Amino acid sequence: MSASRRRAGAAVVTAAVTAGVLFASPAAAGEGWGINGTFATSSNGDFAKVNERFQDQPGERSTWTVNTQCVSPTECTGTVTSDAGWSAPIYTTNGLYYVKRVVPNWRFCADGQPVEGLQVYKIYPVGFDGHVDASADEYTGENQTTGPSGSCGRNQWPSIRMPFYMKKI
C-alpha cells in the first residue's frame, strides 16, 4: 500500500473519530459512576499488620455517607462523612478510590507525647465472586494508618494495615 493511501485512510479515520466526539449526544455526567449513599464499613483488626508483622488490633466499624461527582468512570471526587465524627475527601486514581484523613493523637509514645497518623483507605468495588465488579454495591480494600518516621525516638514509620469492607445499606 502506498504512503499516500495510508495517509488518506488515516485522515478518514481521524475525521470520523472527531465527528463522533463533536456530535455525539452527551451522556448524563456521572450516570451510574461513583460511590453514593450510606454504607456500613468495617476494618478487621484480627488480620492487622503492624509494620508488616501480623498483630491483632482493635477493629473499626462505622457508617459512612459518601457523595461523589464523576466526569468519567475513572475520575471522581467527593466527600465521605463518618458517624465516628470526621469528614474527608474521596477521589479515584487508577481505578481505586482513596479516602485520606489525618488522625490526631493516633498513638502515644512512652513519654506521653501524641503522634498523629495519616489514615488512607484504598477501596474498589467487588462482586460476589471476589473479583472487581464496577456495578457492585460492595467494596473492599485496605485501611492503613501511618505515623511519622522518628516518632517516639524510633527511625521507623509506625504503620498499621487492616482489611477493609464496605456495603451499601
Protein backbone atom coordinates (compact mmCIF):
# COMPACT_ATOMS: atom_id res chain seq x y z
CA MET A 1 0.00 0.00 0.00
CA SER A 2 1.41 3.39 -0.92
CA ALA A 3 2.18 6.09 1.62
CA SER A 4 -0.43 8.43 0.15
CA ARG A 5 -3.18 5.80 0.52
CA ARG A 6 -2.19 5.22 4.16
CA ARG A 7 -2.30 8.96 4.87
CA ALA A 8 -5.70 9.24 3.18
CA GLY A 9 -7.02 6.30 5.23
CA ALA A 10 -5.67 7.84 8.42
CA ALA A 11 -7.32 11.16 7.55
CA VAL A 12 -10.70 9.46 7.06
CA VAL A 13 -10.41 7.65 10.41
CA THR A 14 -9.36 10.87 12.17
CA ALA A 15 -12.30 12.77 10.66
CA ALA A 16 -14.76 10.05 11.70
CA VAL A 17 -13.47 9.99 15.28
CA THR A 18 -13.53 13.80 15.51
CA ALA A 19 -17.10 13.94 14.18
CA GLY A 20 -18.17 11.25 16.62
CA VAL A 21 -16.70 13.15 19.56
CA LEU A 22 -18.08 16.53 18.47
CA PHE A 23 -21.59 15.44 17.56
CA ALA A 24 -22.24 12.58 19.99
CA SER A 25 -25.13 13.20 22.33
CA PRO A 26 -23.80 13.96 25.80
CA ALA A 27 -24.46 11.33 28.43
CA ALA A 28 -25.61 12.46 31.81
CA ALA A 29 -22.42 13.26 33.69
CA GLY A 30 -21.76 10.75 36.40
CA GLU A 31 -24.64 8.48 35.44
CA GLY A 32 -24.01 5.20 37.23
CA TRP A 33 -20.49 6.22 38.17
CA GLY A 34 -19.01 6.85 41.57
CA ILE A 35 -19.99 5.86 45.06
CA ASN A 36 -23.08 7.49 46.54
CA GLY A 37 -25.20 6.54 49.53
CA THR A 38 -24.91 5.24 53.06
CA PHE A 39 -22.58 2.34 53.80
CA ALA A 40 -21.75 0.09 56.73
CA THR A 41 -17.95 -0.17 56.99
CA SER A 42 -15.60 -2.40 58.93
CA SER A 43 -11.85 -2.83 59.27
CA ASN A 44 -10.85 -6.28 60.51
CA GLY A 45 -8.28 -5.93 63.30
CA ASP A 46 -7.94 -9.73 63.58
CA PHE A 47 -5.90 -9.65 60.36
CA ALA A 48 -3.99 -6.42 61.04
CA LYS A 49 -0.33 -5.97 60.28
CA VAL A 50 1.81 -3.68 62.43
CA ASN A 51 4.91 -2.74 60.44
CA GLU A 52 4.30 -5.79 58.18
CA ARG A 53 4.00 -8.23 61.10
CA PHE A 54 0.63 -9.79 61.94
CA GLN A 55 -0.65 -8.45 65.25
CA ASP A 56 -4.25 -8.19 66.43
CA GLN A 57 -5.55 -4.63 66.64
CA PRO A 58 -8.92 -3.20 67.59
CA GLY A 59 -11.26 -3.33 64.60
CA GLU A 60 -13.27 -0.38 63.39
CA ARG A 61 -16.95 -0.21 62.49
CA SER A 62 -18.80 2.86 61.34
CA THR A 63 -21.42 4.17 58.96
CA TRP A 64 -20.28 6.36 56.08
CA THR A 65 -22.26 8.71 53.90
CA VAL A 66 -20.47 9.00 50.56
CA ASN A 67 -21.18 11.63 47.89
CA THR A 68 -19.14 11.69 44.68
CA GLN A 69 -19.32 13.58 41.41
CA CYS A 70 -17.74 11.97 38.37
CA VAL A 71 -16.73 13.21 34.95
CA SER A 72 -15.86 9.70 33.79
CA PRO A 73 -15.88 6.19 35.26
CA THR A 74 -12.29 6.69 36.38
CA GLU A 75 -12.37 10.32 37.51
CA CYS A 76 -14.43 11.04 40.62
CA THR A 77 -14.14 13.33 43.62
CA GLY A 78 -16.35 13.85 46.64
CA THR A 79 -16.71 13.65 50.39
CA VAL A 80 -17.05 10.91 52.99
CA THR A 81 -18.77 11.70 56.28
CA SER A 82 -18.43 9.12 59.06
CA ASP A 83 -20.68 8.68 62.08
CA ALA A 84 -17.37 8.50 64.01
CA GLY A 85 -17.25 12.30 63.71
CA TRP A 86 -14.97 13.03 60.76
CA SER A 87 -15.22 14.02 57.10
CA ALA A 88 -12.61 13.52 54.40
CA PRO A 89 -12.23 13.84 50.63
CA ILE A 90 -12.62 10.79 48.38
CA TYR A 91 -11.13 10.55 44.89
CA THR A 92 -10.14 7.99 42.26
CA THR A 93 -6.72 7.11 40.89
CA ASN A 94 -6.00 4.13 38.63
CA GLY A 95 -9.37 2.51 39.35
CA LEU A 96 -9.05 2.76 43.15
CA TYR A 97 -10.98 5.08 45.44
CA TYR A 98 -8.88 6.80 48.09
CA VAL A 99 -10.04 8.40 51.33
CA LYS A 100 -7.29 10.21 53.25
CA ARG A 101 -7.53 11.89 56.61
CA VAL A 102 -5.29 12.96 59.48
CA VAL A 103 -5.91 11.18 62.79
CA PRO A 104 -4.86 13.43 65.69
CA ASN A 105 -3.49 11.64 68.76
CA TRP A 106 -3.37 8.37 66.84
CA ARG A 107 -0.76 6.85 69.14
CA PHE A 108 1.10 7.92 72.23
CA CYS A 109 4.80 7.48 72.95
CA ALA A 110 6.08 6.06 76.25
CA ASP A 111 6.64 9.64 77.48
CA GLY A 112 3.01 10.56 76.69
CA GLN A 113 3.76 12.55 73.53
CA PRO A 114 0.92 12.22 70.98
CA VAL A 115 1.65 11.10 67.44
CA GLU A 116 -0.71 11.91 64.60
CA GLY A 117 -1.29 9.44 61.81
CA LEU A 118 -2.31 9.61 58.17
CA GLN A 119 -5.17 7.17 57.56
CA VAL A 120 -5.60 6.05 53.95
CA TYR A 121 -8.44 3.85 52.75
CA LYS A 122 -7.92 2.18 49.36
CA ILE A 123 -11.28 0.91 48.07
CA TYR A 124 -12.55 -0.89 44.97
CA PRO A 125 -15.93 -2.45 44.04
CA VAL A 126 -16.10 -6.22 44.38
CA GLY A 127 -18.64 -8.76 43.15
CA PHE A 128 -19.92 -11.90 44.88
CA ASP A 129 -17.01 -13.89 43.45
CA GLY A 130 -14.34 -11.59 44.90
CA HIS A 131 -13.38 -10.01 41.58
CA VAL A 132 -13.64 -6.35 40.63
CA ASP A 133 -17.22 -5.52 39.59
CA ALA A 134 -17.90 -1.85 38.79
CA SER A 135 -21.67 -2.35 39.23
CA ALA A 136 -21.40 -3.83 42.75
CA ASP A 137 -22.64 -2.09 45.90
CA GLU A 138 -19.96 -3.79 47.99
CA TYR A 139 -16.40 -2.55 48.28
CA THR A 140 -13.22 -3.99 49.73
CA GLY A 141 -9.68 -2.83 50.15
CA GLU A 142 -7.34 -1.70 52.86
CA ASN A 143 -7.27 0.69 55.81
CA GLN A 144 -3.72 1.85 56.54
CA THR A 145 -2.61 4.38 59.14
CA THR A 146 0.98 5.59 59.16
CA GLY A 147 2.78 7.85 61.59
CA PRO A 148 5.87 9.99 61.00
CA SER A 149 9.31 8.40 60.94
CA GLY A 150 11.25 9.29 64.06
CA SER A 151 8.18 9.41 66.27
CA CYS A 152 8.76 8.06 69.78
CA GLY A 153 12.51 8.07 69.11
CA ARG A 154 12.40 5.28 66.50
CA ASN A 155 13.71 5.69 62.99
CA GLN A 156 10.73 3.85 61.53
CA TRP A 157 7.32 4.88 60.28
CA PRO A 158 4.78 3.17 62.54
CA SER A 159 2.16 1.60 60.27
CA ILE A 160 -0.99 -0.44 60.81
CA ARG A 161 -2.80 -2.09 57.88
CA MET A 162 -6.15 -3.89 58.06
CA PRO A 163 -8.54 -5.41 55.53
CA PHE A 164 -11.48 -3.10 54.83
CA TYR A 165 -15.05 -3.88 53.75
CA MET A 166 -17.99 -1.60 52.88
CA LYS A 167 -21.59 -2.47 51.94
CA LYS A 168 -24.45 -0.19 50.94
CA ILE A 169 -27.29 -0.07 53.47
